[in-house]
C-alpha atoms as a PDB file:
ATOM      1  CA  MET A   1     -12.254   3.630  21.672  1.00  0.00           C
ATOM      2  CA  THR A   2     -14.934   5.137  19.533  1.00  0.00           C
ATOM      3  CA  VAL A   3     -13.918   8.216  17.616  1.00  0.00           C
ATOM      4  CA  PRO A   4     -16.772  10.375  17.119  1.00  0.00           C
ATOM      5  CA  ALA A   5     -17.718  11.271  13.480  1.00  0.00           C
ATOM      6  CA  ASN A   6     -17.846  14.677  11.764  1.00  0.00           C
ATOM      7  CA  GLU A   7     -17.590  15.745   8.123  1.00  0.00           C
ATOM      8  CA  ALA A   8     -13.834  15.577   7.834  1.00  0.00           C
ATOM      9  CA  VAL A   9     -12.543  12.746   5.607  1.00  0.00           C
ATOM     10  CA  LEU A  10      -9.940  12.030   8.318  1.00  0.00           C
ATOM     11  CA  LEU A  11      -9.726  12.699  12.197  1.00  0.00           C
ATOM     12  CA  HIS A  12      -6.948  13.212  14.078  1.00  0.00           C
ATOM     13  CA  GLU A  13      -6.376  12.295  17.768  1.00  0.00           C
ATOM     14  CA  ASN A  14      -3.589  12.733  20.191  1.00  0.00           C
ATOM     15  CA  LEU A  15      -3.842  10.444  22.832  1.00  0.00           C
ATOM     16  CA  ASP A  16      -0.502  11.284  25.034  1.00  0.00           C
ATOM     17  CA  GLY A  17       1.739  10.485  22.122  1.00  0.00           C
ATOM     18  CA  ILE A  18      -0.052   8.375  20.500  1.00  0.00           C
ATOM     19  CA  ALA A  19      -1.320   9.644  17.054  1.00  0.00           C
ATOM     20  CA  VAL A  20      -4.504   8.150  15.913  1.00  0.00           C
ATOM     21  CA  LEU A  21      -5.938   8.729  12.605  1.00  0.00           C
ATOM     22  CA  THR A  22      -9.144   7.396  11.716  1.00  0.00           C
ATOM     23  CA  LEU A  23     -10.288   7.004   7.911  1.00  0.00           C
ATOM     24  CA  ASN A  24     -14.059   8.797   8.294  1.00  0.00           C
ATOM     25  CA  ARG A  25     -15.654   8.087   4.657  1.00  0.00           C
ATOM     26  CA  GLU A  26     -17.606   5.558   6.276  1.00  0.00           C
ATOM     27  CA  GLY A  27     -20.727   5.521   3.777  1.00  0.00           C
ATOM     28  CA  ALA A  28     -18.036   5.077   1.146  1.00  0.00           C
ATOM     29  CA  ARG A  29     -16.530   1.885   2.877  1.00  0.00           C
ATOM     30  CA  ASN A  30     -13.566   4.524   3.461  1.00  0.00           C
ATOM     31  CA  SER A  31     -12.240   4.190   0.122  1.00  0.00           C
ATOM     32  CA  LEU A  32      -9.143   6.540  -0.902  1.00  0.00           C
ATOM     33  CA  SER A  33     -10.880   9.233  -2.533  1.00  0.00           C
ATOM     34  CA  THR A  34      -8.206  12.024  -3.618  1.00  0.00           C
ATOM     35  CA  GLU A  35      -9.185  14.251  -0.753  1.00  0.00           C
ATOM     36  CA  LEU A  36      -8.194  11.392   1.482  1.00  0.00           C
ATOM     37  CA  LEU A  37      -5.299  10.413   0.190  1.00  0.00           C
ATOM     38  CA  GLU A  38      -4.113  14.251   0.422  1.00  0.00           C
ATOM     39  CA  ALA A  39      -5.416  14.259   3.721  1.00  0.00           C
ATOM     40  CA  MET A  40      -3.202  11.310   5.035  1.00  0.00           C
ATOM     41  CA  ILE A  41      -0.336  12.881   3.715  1.00  0.00           C
ATOM     42  CA  ALA A  42      -0.890  16.022   5.269  1.00  0.00           C
ATOM     43  CA  ALA A  43      -1.538  14.336   8.173  1.00  0.00           C
ATOM     44  CA  LEU A  44       1.857  12.022   7.915  1.00  0.00           C
ATOM     45  CA  ALA A  45       4.006  14.288   7.156  1.00  0.00           C
ATOM     46  CA  ALA A  46       2.925  16.845  10.514  1.00  0.00           C
ATOM     47  CA  ILE A  47       3.367  13.976  12.417  1.00  0.00           C
ATOM     48  CA  ALA A  48       7.009  12.917  11.119  1.00  0.00           C
ATOM     49  CA  ALA A  49       7.966  16.537  11.983  1.00  0.00           C
ATOM     50  CA  ASP A  50       6.310  16.182  15.278  1.00  0.00           C
ATOM     51  CA  PRO A  51       9.102  14.334  18.026  1.00  0.00           C
ATOM     52  CA  ALA A  52       6.073  14.201  20.730  1.00  0.00           C
ATOM     53  CA  ILE A  53       4.808  11.685  18.533  1.00  0.00           C
ATOM     54  CA  ARG A  54       6.152   8.138  19.242  1.00  0.00           C
ATOM     55  CA  ALA A  55       3.183   5.945  17.622  1.00  0.00           C
ATOM     56  CA  VAL A  56       0.762   5.907  14.971  1.00  0.00           C
ATOM     57  CA  ILE A  57      -2.516   4.061  14.724  1.00  0.00           C
ATOM     58  CA  ILE A  58      -4.387   4.013  11.289  1.00  0.00           C
ATOM     59  CA  ALA A  59      -8.210   2.906  12.225  1.00  0.00           C
ATOM     60  CA  ALA A  60     -11.423   3.408  10.410  1.00  0.00           C
ATOM     61  CA  ASN A  61     -14.952   4.361  11.310  1.00  0.00           C
ATOM     62  CA  GLY A  62     -17.770   1.958  10.165  1.00  0.00           C
ATOM     63  CA  PRO A  63     -17.977  -1.547   9.557  1.00  0.00           C
ATOM     64  CA  ALA A  64     -15.341  -1.284   6.946  1.00  0.00           C
ATOM     65  CA  PHE A  65     -11.330  -0.464   7.310  1.00  0.00           C
ATOM     66  CA  CYS A  66     -11.337   0.321   3.752  1.00  0.00           C
ATOM     67  CA  ALA A  67     -12.355  -0.592   0.440  1.00  0.00           C
ATOM     68  CA  GLY A  68      -9.472   0.016  -1.716  1.00  0.00           C
ATOM     69  CA  HIS A  69      -9.849   2.989  -4.210  1.00  0.00           C
ATOM     70  CA  ASP A  70     -12.872   5.115  -4.743  1.00  0.00           C
ATOM     71  CA  LEU A  71     -14.274   3.417  -8.247  1.00  0.00           C
ATOM     72  CA  LYS A  72     -17.259   5.814  -8.512  1.00  0.00           C
ATOM     73  CA  GLU A  73     -15.018   8.813  -8.430  1.00  0.00           C
ATOM     74  CA  LEU A  74     -12.432   6.744 -10.988  1.00  0.00           C
ATOM     75  CA  THR A  75     -15.438   5.657 -13.081  1.00  0.00           C
ATOM     76  CA  ALA A  76     -16.584   9.575 -13.496  1.00  0.00           C
ATOM     77  CA  ARG A  77     -13.416  10.620 -15.172  1.00  0.00           C
ATOM     78  CA  ARG A  78     -13.885   8.181 -17.822  1.00  0.00           C
ATOM     79  CA  THR A  79     -15.598  10.858 -19.630  1.00  0.00           C
ATOM     80  CA  ASP A  80     -12.487  13.275 -19.304  1.00  0.00           C
ATOM     81  CA  ALA A  81     -10.957  14.288 -23.133  1.00  0.00           C
ATOM     82  CA  ASP A  82      -8.052  11.486 -22.248  1.00  0.00           C
ATOM     83  CA  GLY A  83     -10.314   9.372 -21.033  1.00  0.00           C
ATOM     84  CA  GLY A  84      -9.459   9.797 -17.144  1.00  0.00           C
ATOM     85  CA  ARG A  85      -5.665   8.802 -17.990  1.00  0.00           C
ATOM     86  CA  ALA A  86      -4.473  12.128 -16.040  1.00  0.00           C
ATOM     87  CA  PHE A  87      -6.778  12.047 -13.291  1.00  0.00           C
ATOM     88  CA  PHE A  88      -5.617   7.992 -13.025  1.00  0.00           C
ATOM     89  CA  THR A  89      -2.282   9.243 -12.820  1.00  0.00           C
ATOM     90  CA  THR A  90      -2.837  11.382  -9.991  1.00  0.00           C
ATOM     91  CA  VAL A  91      -4.798   9.161  -7.975  1.00  0.00           C
ATOM     92  CA  TRP A  92      -2.087   6.802  -8.055  1.00  0.00           C
ATOM     93  CA  GLN A  93       1.070   8.891  -7.174  1.00  0.00           C
ATOM     94  CA  LEU A  94      -1.003  10.203  -4.294  1.00  0.00           C
ATOM     95  CA  CYS A  95      -1.570   6.655  -3.357  1.00  0.00           C
ATOM     96  CA  SER A  96       2.184   5.758  -3.767  1.00  0.00           C
ATOM     97  CA  THR A  97       3.490   8.602  -1.795  1.00  0.00           C
ATOM     98  CA  MET A  98       0.806   8.068   0.926  1.00  0.00           C
ATOM     99  CA  MET A  99       2.198   4.374   1.087  1.00  0.00           C
ATOM    100  CA  GLN A 100       5.688   5.420   1.118  1.00  0.00           C
ATOM    101  CA  ALA A 101       5.172   8.253   3.805  1.00  0.00           C
ATOM    102  CA  VAL A 102       3.818   5.127   6.135  1.00  0.00           C
ATOM    103  CA  VAL A 103       6.880   3.090   5.748  1.00  0.00           C
ATOM    104  CA  ARG A 104       9.460   6.114   5.755  1.00  0.00           C
ATOM    105  CA  LEU A 105       7.577   7.880   8.750  1.00  0.00           C
ATOM    106  CA  PRO A 106       9.947   8.289  11.481  1.00  0.00           C
ATOM    107  CA  GLN A 107       7.437   6.800  14.437  1.00  0.00           C
ATOM    108  CA  PRO A 108       5.930   2.978  14.170  1.00  0.00           C
ATOM    109  CA  VAL A 109       2.526   2.751  12.269  1.00  0.00           C
ATOM    110  CA  ILE A 110      -0.094   0.155  13.803  1.00  0.00           C
ATOM    111  CA  ALA A 111      -2.975  -0.372  11.715  1.00  0.00           C
ATOM    112  CA  SER A 112      -6.212  -1.281  13.508  1.00  0.00           C
ATOM    113  CA  VAL A 113      -8.317  -3.175  11.462  1.00  0.00           C
ATOM    114  CA  GLN A 114     -12.298  -3.606  12.197  1.00  0.00           C
ATOM    115  CA  GLY A 115     -13.685  -5.093   9.061  1.00  0.00           C
ATOM    116  CA  ALA A 116     -12.935  -5.624   5.359  1.00  0.00           C
ATOM    117  CA  ALA A 117      -9.468  -4.284   4.041  1.00  0.00           C
ATOM    118  CA  PHE A 118      -9.587  -4.740   0.390  1.00  0.00           C
ATOM    119  CA  ALA A 119      -7.598  -3.542  -2.581  1.00  0.00           C
ATOM    120  CA  ALA A 120      -5.807  -0.475  -1.439  1.00  0.00           C
ATOM    121  CA  GLY A 121      -7.287  -0.838   1.975  1.00  0.00           C
ATOM    122  CA  CYS A 122      -5.292  -4.261   2.165  1.00  0.00           C
ATOM    123  CA  GLN A 123      -2.109  -2.301   0.912  1.00  0.00           C
ATOM    124  CA  LEU A 124      -2.467  -0.158   3.804  1.00  0.00           C
ATOM    125  CA  VAL A 125      -2.384  -2.872   5.824  1.00  0.00           C
ATOM    126  CA  ALA A 126       0.808  -3.904   4.789  1.00  0.00           C
ATOM    127  CA  ALA A 127       2.527  -1.158   4.688  1.00  0.00           C
ATOM    128  CA  CYS A 128       2.028  -0.973   8.441  1.00  0.00           C
ATOM    129  CA  ASP A 129       4.933  -1.370  10.662  1.00  0.00           C
ATOM    130  CA  LEU A 130       2.425  -3.737  12.636  1.00  0.00           C
ATOM    131  CA  ALA A 131      -1.316  -4.603  12.168  1.00  0.00           C
ATOM    132  CA  VAL A 132      -4.089  -5.768  15.020  1.00  0.00           C
ATOM    133  CA  ALA A 133      -6.832  -7.127  13.338  1.00  0.00           C
ATOM    134  CA  SER A 134     -10.623  -8.115  14.697  1.00  0.00           C
ATOM    135  CA  THR A 135     -12.250 -11.488  14.293  1.00  0.00           C
ATOM    136  CA  ALA A 136     -14.419  -9.573  11.777  1.00  0.00           C
ATOM    137  CA  ALA A 137     -11.761  -8.266   9.400  1.00  0.00           C
ATOM    138  CA  SER A 138     -11.283  -9.548   6.260  1.00  0.00           C
ATOM    139  CA  PHE A 139      -8.345  -8.984   3.925  1.00  0.00           C
ATOM    140  CA  ALA A 140      -8.489  -9.429  -0.107  1.00  0.00           C
ATOM    141  CA  THR A 141      -6.580  -7.521  -3.187  1.00  0.00           C
ATOM    142  CA  PRO A 142     -10.135  -8.897  -5.656  1.00  0.00           C
ATOM    143  CA  GLY A 143      -9.111  -6.371  -8.412  1.00  0.00           C
ATOM    144  CA  VAL A 144      -8.538  -9.441 -10.794  1.00  0.00           C
ATOM    145  CA  ASN A 145     -12.676  -9.969 -10.061  1.00  0.00           C
ATOM    146  CA  ILE A 146     -13.486  -6.803 -11.868  1.00  0.00           C
ATOM    147  CA  GLY A 147     -10.397  -7.002 -14.625  1.00  0.00           C
ATOM    148  CA  LEU A 148      -8.141  -4.442 -12.608  1.00  0.00           C
ATOM    149  CA  PHE A 149      -5.323  -6.523 -11.153  1.00  0.00           C
ATOM    150  CA  CYS A 150      -4.081  -5.319  -7.815  1.00  0.00           C
ATOM    151  CA  SER A 151      -0.625  -4.494  -9.180  1.00  0.00           C
ATOM    152  CA  SER A 152       0.042  -1.485  -6.875  1.00  0.00           C
ATOM    153  CA  PRO A 153      -1.499  -3.035  -3.316  1.00  0.00           C
ATOM    154  CA  MET A 154       0.597  -6.078  -4.545  1.00  0.00           C
ATOM    155  CA  VAL A 155       4.122  -3.905  -3.857  1.00  0.00           C
ATOM    156  CA  ALA A 156       3.375  -4.308  -0.346  1.00  0.00           C
ATOM    157  CA  LEU A 157       1.770  -7.393  -0.090  1.00  0.00           C
ATOM    158  CA  SER A 158       4.635  -9.349  -1.775  1.00  0.00           C
ATOM    159  CA  ARG A 159       6.900  -7.651   0.949  1.00  0.00           C
ATOM    160  CA  ASN A 160       5.176  -8.950   3.749  1.00  0.00           C
ATOM    161  CA  VAL A 161       4.027 -12.232   2.900  1.00  0.00           C
ATOM    162  CA  ALA A 162       5.760 -15.109   1.471  1.00  0.00           C
ATOM    163  CA  ARG A 163       5.117 -15.135  -2.324  1.00  0.00           C
ATOM    164  CA  LYS A 164       3.130 -18.071  -2.661  1.00  0.00           C
ATOM    165  CA  HIS A 165       0.683 -16.449  -0.302  1.00  0.00           C
ATOM    166  CA  ALA A 166       0.774 -13.321  -2.151  1.00  0.00           C
ATOM    167  CA  MET A 167       0.136 -14.994  -5.616  1.00  0.00           C
ATOM    168  CA  GLU A 168      -2.909 -16.446  -4.342  1.00  0.00           C
ATOM    169  CA  MET A 169      -4.536 -13.947  -2.885  1.00  0.00           C
ATOM    170  CA  LEU A 170      -3.565 -11.427  -6.026  1.00  0.00           C
ATOM    171  CA  LEU A 171      -4.642 -14.298  -8.712  1.00  0.00           C
ATOM    172  CA  THR A 172      -7.937 -15.546  -7.037  1.00  0.00           C
ATOM    173  CA  GLY A 173      -9.001 -12.286  -5.551  1.00  0.00           C
ATOM    174  CA  ASP A 174     -10.452 -14.436  -2.764  1.00  0.00           C
ATOM    175  CA  ALA A 175     -11.129 -12.880   0.799  1.00  0.00           C
ATOM    176  CA  ILE A 176      -9.370 -13.859   4.016  1.00  0.00           C
ATOM    177  CA  ALA A 177     -10.102 -14.162   7.488  1.00  0.00           C
ATOM    178  CA  ALA A 178      -8.327 -12.471  10.038  1.00  0.00           C
ATOM    179  CA  GLN A 179      -6.792 -16.048  11.324  1.00  0.00           C
ATOM    180  CA  GLU A 180      -5.559 -16.682   8.092  1.00  0.00           C
ATOM    181  CA  ALA A 181      -4.448 -13.196   7.662  1.00  0.00           C
ATOM    182  CA  LEU A 182      -2.345 -13.665  10.968  1.00  0.00           C
ATOM    183  CA  ARG A 183      -1.063 -17.208   9.788  1.00  0.00           C
ATOM    184  CA  ILE A 184       0.831 -15.999   6.438  1.00  0.00           C
ATOM    185  CA  GLY A 185       2.065 -12.949   8.669  1.00  0.00           C
ATOM    186  CA  LEU A 186      -0.172 -10.091   6.917  1.00  0.00           C
ATOM    187  CA  VAL A 187      -1.094  -8.927  10.717  1.00  0.00           C
ATOM    188  CA  ASN A 188       0.409  -9.367  14.122  1.00  0.00           C
ATOM    189  CA  ARG A 189      -2.647  -9.778  16.557  1.00  0.00           C
ATOM    190  CA  VAL A 190      -6.205 -11.148  15.902  1.00  0.00           C
ATOM    191  CA  VAL A 191      -8.745 -10.030  18.959  1.00  0.00           C
ATOM    192  CA  PRO A 192     -12.307  -9.703  19.700  1.00  0.00           C
ATOM    193  CA  PRO A 193     -14.924  -7.619  17.670  1.00  0.00           C
ATOM    194  CA  GLY A 194     -14.458  -4.230  19.343  1.00  0.00           C
ATOM    195  CA  GLU A 195     -11.034  -4.616  21.004  1.00  0.00           C
ATOM    196  CA  GLU A 196      -8.513  -4.124  18.313  1.00  0.00           C
ATOM    197  CA  CYS A 197      -8.235  -0.323  18.476  1.00  0.00           C
ATOM    198  CA  ASP A 198      -7.453  -0.710  22.445  1.00  0.00           C
ATOM    199  CA  GLU A 199      -5.285  -3.497  21.986  1.00  0.00           C
ATOM    200  CA  ALA A 200      -3.416  -1.460  18.890  1.00  0.00           C
ATOM    201  CA  ILE A 201      -2.981   1.440  21.538  1.00  0.00           C
ATOM    202  CA  ARG A 202      -1.528  -0.775  24.393  1.00  0.00           C
ATOM    203  CA  LEU A 203       0.959  -1.860  21.869  1.00  0.00           C
ATOM    204  CA  ALA A 204       1.967   1.639  20.791  1.00  0.00           C
ATOM    205  CA  ARG A 205       2.204   2.728  24.299  1.00  0.00           C
ATOM    206  CA  HIS A 206       4.677  -0.175  24.877  1.00  0.00           C
ATOM    207  CA  ILE A 207       6.687   0.780  21.694  1.00  0.00           C
ATOM    208  CA  ALA A 208       6.116   4.064  23.120  1.00  0.00           C
ATOM    209  CA  SER A 209       8.302   3.655  26.057  1.00  0.00           C
ATOM    210  CA  LYS A 210      11.462   2.879  24.172  1.00  0.00           C
ATOM    211  CA  SER A 211      13.648   5.265  22.882  1.00  0.00           C
ATOM    212  CA  ALA A 212      11.946   6.907  20.186  1.00  0.00           C
ATOM    213  CA  ALA A 213      15.766   7.432  18.583  1.00  0.00           C
ATOM    214  CA  ALA A 214      16.767   3.680  18.579  1.00  0.00           C
ATOM    215  CA  ILE A 215      12.967   3.116  17.100  1.00  0.00           C
ATOM    216  CA  ARG A 216      13.641   5.975  14.406  1.00  0.00           C
ATOM    217  CA  ILE A 217      17.106   4.333  13.673  1.00  0.00           C
ATOM    218  CA  GLY A 218      15.915   0.712  13.861  1.00  0.00           C
ATOM    219  CA  LYS A 219      12.827   1.453  11.655  1.00  0.00           C
ATOM    220  CA  ALA A 220      14.421   3.011   8.965  1.00  0.00           C
ATOM    221  CA  ALA A 221      17.691   0.684   8.628  1.00  0.00           C
ATOM    222  CA  PHE A 222      14.759  -2.128   8.814  1.00  0.00           C
ATOM    223  CA  TYR A 223      13.233  -1.078   5.280  1.00  0.00           C
ATOM    224  CA  ALA A 224      16.624   0.191   3.803  1.00  0.00           C
ATOM    225  CA  GLN A 225      18.418  -3.576   4.170  1.00  0.00           C
ATOM    226  CA  LEU A 226      15.404  -5.129   2.971  1.00  0.00           C
ATOM    227  CA  ASP A 227      16.670  -4.801  -0.937  1.00  0.00           C
ATOM    228  CA  MET A 228      20.445  -5.447  -0.041  1.00  0.00           C
ATOM    229  CA  SER A 229      22.381  -8.599  -1.058  1.00  0.00           C
ATOM    230  CA  LEU A 230      23.376 -10.584   2.252  1.00  0.00           C
ATOM    231  CA  ALA A 231      27.109  -8.819   2.554  1.00  0.00           C
ATOM    232  CA  GLU A 232      25.831  -5.064   1.609  1.00  0.00           C
ATOM    233  CA  ALA A 233      23.128  -5.623   4.516  1.00  0.00           C
ATOM    234  CA  TYR A 234      25.408  -6.484   7.288  1.00  0.00           C
ATOM    235  CA  ASP A 235      27.791  -3.998   6.121  1.00  0.00           C
ATOM    236  CA  TYR A 236      25.140  -1.356   6.045  1.00  0.00           C
ATOM    237  CA  THR A 237      23.706  -2.507   9.448  1.00  0.00           C
ATOM    238  CA  SER A 238      26.926  -2.879  11.054  1.00  0.00           C
ATOM    239  CA  ARG A 239      27.557   0.941  10.443  1.00  0.00           C
ATOM    240  CA  VAL A 240      24.142   1.717  11.438  1.00  0.00           C
ATOM    241  CA  MET A 241      24.980  -0.024  14.691  1.00  0.00           C
ATOM    242  CA  ILE A 242      27.816   1.807  15.382  1.00  0.00           C
ATOM    243  CA  GLU A 243      26.242   5.230  14.831  1.00  0.00           C
ATOM    244  CA  ASN A 244      23.771   3.894  17.045  1.00  0.00           C
ATOM    245  CA  MET A 245      26.361   2.710  19.947  1.00  0.00           C
ATOM    246  CA  LEU A 246      27.557   6.007  19.816  1.00  0.00           C
ATOM    247  CA  ASN A 247      23.900   7.840  20.464  1.00  0.00           C
ATOM    248  CA  ALA A 248      22.884   9.059  23.817  1.00  0.00           C
ATOM    249  CA  ASP A 249      20.513   6.629  24.187  1.00  0.00           C
ATOM    250  CA  ALA A 250      22.378   3.986  23.807  1.00  0.00           C
ATOM    251  CA  GLU A 251      24.681   4.980  26.608  1.00  0.00           C
ATOM    252  CA  GLU A 252      21.892   5.347  28.910  1.00  0.00           C
ATOM    253  CA  GLY A 253      20.406   2.310  27.960  1.00  0.00           C
ATOM    254  CA  ILE A 254      23.186   0.517  28.218  1.00  0.00           C
ATOM    255  CA  GLY A 255      24.129   2.128  31.637  1.00  0.00           C
ATOM    256  CA  ALA A 256      20.938   1.545  33.188  1.00  0.00           C
ATOM    257  CA  PHE A 257      21.006  -2.113  32.121  1.00  0.00           C
ATOM    258  CA  ILE A 258      24.207  -2.444  33.993  1.00  0.00           C
ATOM    259  CA  GLU A 259      23.075  -0.614  36.758  1.00  0.00           C
ATOM    260  CA  LYS A 260      19.680  -2.378  37.265  1.00  0.00           C
ATOM    261  CA  ARG A 261      17.596   0.711  37.009  1.00  0.00           C
ATOM    262  CA  LYS A 262      15.015   2.119  34.198  1.00  0.00           C
ATOM    263  CA  PRO A 263      16.538   4.225  31.597  1.00  0.00           C
ATOM    264  CA  ASN A 264      15.998   8.123  31.406  1.00  0.00           C
ATOM    265  CA  TRP A 265      15.874   8.191  27.357  1.00  0.00           C
ATOM    266  CA  SER A 266      16.526  11.681  25.948  1.00  0.00           C
ATOM    267  CA  ASP A 267      15.360  10.525  22.724  1.00  0.00           C
ATOM    268  CA  GLN A 268      17.512  12.575  20.344  1.00  0.00           C
END
C-alpha cells in the first residue's frame, strides 16, 4: 500500500478500523525529530480514546523505516548555554513517552518495516506488539559506533530478544538482516519487498476480528506480568482471567463456541 506523501511529518489513515500511522520524513530517513515525536504522541492518544480503532500499524515512507533520533537537530543545540542539556532532556522524555504510549495503547500495534530500522528506529520496532519486515529491512543499535551507546533503545530491545542477542547488537553496532531479526524474535514475519504493509494489514484485520475487550485486557496483562515473580504473575493473571470471565464478550464467545456459531462481540 502506498500512502501519498505530503508535508506532514506523520500521516494518519483509517482503513475500516485499522489505523495506519506513516512516518513521513523521507528526506531525513524518518528520524525522530521533536515534531515527529510530538505528532506520534498526539496520534496515539487520539487512537487510545477511539473505540472504533481495533488495531494500529506503524509504517514509513521512503527507503528507511527510521534512522533513530535526528542527530542534526540534536547537534545544533550544542551551542545552547547549557550545551544542549535541557533540549536533550526534552527529546529523550518525548521519546520515552512515545515508546511507552505504544506499549500502553489498548489496541495492538504492528510495525511494518520496509527498510533500515536503526537506533531509536529499532527501539520503535521492538516497542510494537508485533512486527512484519521486508527482506530488504535491517536492524541495528549502532550508537556505539559514534560514541553514544543505545541505552534507551536497549530497554525495548532487551525485553524482546534474549540477552546475548541484545548485547551483541548493542556492543557491536552491527546491522542484522530481516531473517536474523526473525530468528532472534525481533520480528514476527518476513515477506518480499513491497508486501510488508499488506501483510501487516492482513494480520491487523485478523486480530481485529477478535473481541476488542479481550484484546485490551490481554495486552495490558501481558506487559504487566512480565516484571513480576512467577507467583505474583500467576496471582495477577488469575485475577485478570476472573474479571475477563465475567465480561460480556467472554460469555458470548464461550456460548458461541459451545453452540458452534460465530460470536457477536460487544467489545465492551
